[in-house]
N, C-alpha and C. Protein backbone atom coordinates (compact mmCIF):
# COMPACT_ATOMS: atom_id res chain seq x y z
N UNK A 1 83.38 -76.13 165.97
CA UNK A 1 84.44 -76.01 164.97
C UNK A 1 84.96 -74.57 164.92
N UNK A 2 84.05 -73.62 165.04
CA UNK A 2 84.45 -72.22 164.99
C UNK A 2 85.38 -71.87 166.15
N UNK A 3 85.09 -72.43 167.32
CA UNK A 3 85.93 -72.17 168.48
C UNK A 3 87.35 -72.66 168.27
N UNK A 4 87.50 -73.81 167.67
CA UNK A 4 88.83 -74.36 167.40
C UNK A 4 89.60 -73.45 166.45
N UNK A 5 88.93 -72.94 165.43
CA UNK A 5 89.58 -72.04 164.47
C UNK A 5 90.01 -70.75 165.16
N UNK A 6 89.15 -70.21 166.01
CA UNK A 6 89.49 -68.98 166.73
C UNK A 6 90.69 -69.21 167.65
N UNK A 7 90.69 -70.33 168.37
CA UNK A 7 91.81 -70.64 169.27
C UNK A 7 93.12 -70.82 168.51
N UNK A 8 93.06 -71.48 167.37
CA UNK A 8 94.27 -71.64 166.55
C UNK A 8 94.80 -70.29 166.10
N UNK A 9 93.90 -69.41 165.67
CA UNK A 9 94.32 -68.07 165.24
C UNK A 9 94.94 -67.28 166.39
N UNK A 10 94.35 -67.38 167.59
CA UNK A 10 94.88 -66.66 168.75
C UNK A 10 96.27 -67.18 169.11
N UNK A 11 96.43 -68.51 169.17
CA UNK A 11 97.73 -69.07 169.50
C UNK A 11 98.78 -68.73 168.45
N UNK A 12 98.39 -68.72 167.19
CA UNK A 12 99.32 -68.35 166.12
C UNK A 12 99.75 -66.89 166.25
N UNK A 13 98.79 -66.01 166.56
CA UNK A 13 99.11 -64.59 166.72
C UNK A 13 100.04 -64.37 167.91
N UNK A 14 99.78 -65.05 169.02
CA UNK A 14 100.65 -64.91 170.20
C UNK A 14 102.04 -65.45 169.89
N UNK A 15 102.12 -66.58 169.21
CA UNK A 15 103.42 -67.14 168.84
C UNK A 15 104.20 -66.16 167.97
N UNK A 16 103.53 -65.54 167.00
CA UNK A 16 104.22 -64.57 166.14
C UNK A 16 104.68 -63.34 166.92
N UNK A 17 103.84 -62.86 167.83
CA UNK A 17 104.23 -61.69 168.62
C UNK A 17 105.44 -61.99 169.49
N UNK A 18 105.46 -63.15 170.12
CA UNK A 18 106.59 -63.50 170.99
C UNK A 18 107.85 -63.68 170.16
N UNK A 19 107.73 -64.38 169.04
CA UNK A 19 108.90 -64.63 168.19
C UNK A 19 109.46 -63.34 167.62
N UNK A 20 108.60 -62.50 167.06
CA UNK A 20 109.07 -61.25 166.47
C UNK A 20 109.54 -60.27 167.54
N UNK A 21 108.88 -60.27 168.70
CA UNK A 21 109.31 -59.40 169.79
C UNK A 21 110.69 -59.77 170.30
N UNK A 22 110.98 -61.06 170.38
CA UNK A 22 112.29 -61.50 170.84
C UNK A 22 113.37 -61.20 169.80
N UNK A 23 113.00 -61.26 168.54
CA UNK A 23 113.99 -61.05 167.48
C UNK A 23 114.27 -59.57 167.23
N UNK A 24 113.22 -58.75 167.16
CA UNK A 24 113.38 -57.36 166.77
C UNK A 24 113.22 -56.37 167.92
N UNK A 25 112.82 -56.84 169.09
CA UNK A 25 112.60 -55.94 170.22
C UNK A 25 113.90 -55.39 170.77
N UNK A 26 113.84 -54.16 171.26
CA UNK A 26 115.02 -53.57 171.87
C UNK A 26 114.71 -53.27 173.34
N UNK A 27 115.70 -53.38 174.20
CA UNK A 27 115.45 -53.14 175.63
C UNK A 27 115.12 -51.67 175.89
N UNK A 28 114.26 -51.45 176.89
CA UNK A 28 113.87 -50.09 177.25
C UNK A 28 114.83 -49.53 178.28
N UNK A 29 115.00 -48.24 178.23
CA UNK A 29 115.81 -47.57 179.24
C UNK A 29 114.98 -47.41 180.51
N UNK A 30 115.65 -47.06 181.60
CA UNK A 30 114.96 -46.85 182.87
C UNK A 30 113.96 -45.70 182.77
N UNK A 31 114.30 -44.67 182.00
CA UNK A 31 113.39 -43.53 181.83
C UNK A 31 112.11 -43.95 181.12
N UNK A 32 112.24 -44.77 180.07
CA UNK A 32 111.06 -45.23 179.34
C UNK A 32 110.20 -46.12 180.24
N UNK A 33 110.82 -46.99 181.01
CA UNK A 33 110.06 -47.86 181.90
C UNK A 33 109.29 -47.04 182.93
N UNK A 34 109.92 -46.02 183.47
CA UNK A 34 109.25 -45.17 184.45
C UNK A 34 108.08 -44.43 183.85
N UNK A 35 108.27 -43.93 182.61
CA UNK A 35 107.20 -43.20 181.94
C UNK A 35 106.02 -44.11 181.66
N UNK A 36 106.28 -45.29 181.11
CA UNK A 36 105.20 -46.22 180.82
C UNK A 36 104.52 -46.71 182.09
N UNK A 37 105.27 -46.88 183.15
CA UNK A 37 104.70 -47.33 184.41
C UNK A 37 103.69 -46.32 184.93
N UNK A 38 104.02 -45.05 184.85
CA UNK A 38 103.10 -44.00 185.31
C UNK A 38 101.83 -43.98 184.45
N UNK A 39 101.99 -44.07 183.15
CA UNK A 39 100.85 -44.01 182.24
C UNK A 39 99.95 -45.22 182.44
N UNK A 40 100.53 -46.40 182.56
CA UNK A 40 99.73 -47.61 182.72
C UNK A 40 98.99 -47.59 184.05
N UNK A 41 99.63 -47.09 185.10
CA UNK A 41 98.95 -47.00 186.39
C UNK A 41 97.71 -46.12 186.29
N UNK A 42 97.82 -44.98 185.63
CA UNK A 42 96.67 -44.09 185.46
C UNK A 42 95.60 -44.75 184.61
N UNK A 43 95.98 -45.43 183.53
CA UNK A 43 94.99 -46.08 182.67
C UNK A 43 94.25 -47.20 183.39
N UNK A 44 94.96 -47.97 184.20
CA UNK A 44 94.31 -49.04 184.97
C UNK A 44 93.32 -48.44 185.96
N UNK A 45 93.71 -47.37 186.63
CA UNK A 45 92.82 -46.71 187.58
C UNK A 45 91.56 -46.21 186.88
N UNK A 46 91.72 -45.59 185.71
CA UNK A 46 90.56 -45.09 184.95
C UNK A 46 89.67 -46.25 184.52
N UNK A 47 90.28 -47.36 184.10
CA UNK A 47 89.49 -48.52 183.68
C UNK A 47 88.69 -49.10 184.85
N UNK A 48 89.30 -49.16 186.03
CA UNK A 48 88.59 -49.68 187.20
C UNK A 48 87.43 -48.77 187.57
N UNK A 49 87.67 -47.46 187.59
CA UNK A 49 86.60 -46.52 187.91
C UNK A 49 85.48 -46.61 186.87
N UNK A 50 85.84 -46.73 185.61
CA UNK A 50 84.83 -46.85 184.56
C UNK A 50 84.01 -48.13 184.71
N UNK A 51 84.66 -49.23 185.08
CA UNK A 51 83.93 -50.48 185.28
C UNK A 51 82.98 -50.38 186.47
N UNK A 52 83.42 -49.71 187.52
CA UNK A 52 82.55 -49.53 188.69
C UNK A 52 81.34 -48.68 188.32
N UNK A 53 81.57 -47.61 187.59
CA UNK A 53 80.46 -46.73 187.19
C UNK A 53 79.50 -47.49 186.26
N UNK A 54 80.04 -48.28 185.34
CA UNK A 54 79.20 -49.04 184.42
C UNK A 54 78.36 -50.07 185.18
N UNK A 55 78.94 -50.66 186.22
CA UNK A 55 78.21 -51.66 187.01
C UNK A 55 77.08 -51.00 187.81
N UNK A 56 77.36 -49.83 188.34
CA UNK A 56 76.35 -49.13 189.16
C UNK A 56 75.20 -48.65 188.29
N UNK A 57 75.52 -48.09 187.14
CA UNK A 57 74.47 -47.54 186.27
C UNK A 57 73.90 -48.66 185.45
């Protein structure tokens, strides 16, 4: 029963994020996309290295 409640809450939260994002979201400029792309690439690399280190240790 708990799993069903958690799944309902997750789907409700995703539905709200998509609905509100489509209604109030504004498009990003090319500069913003480039900046976020660089930051996300670095964060993903750090996360992968951290996971490898955690697995080894």
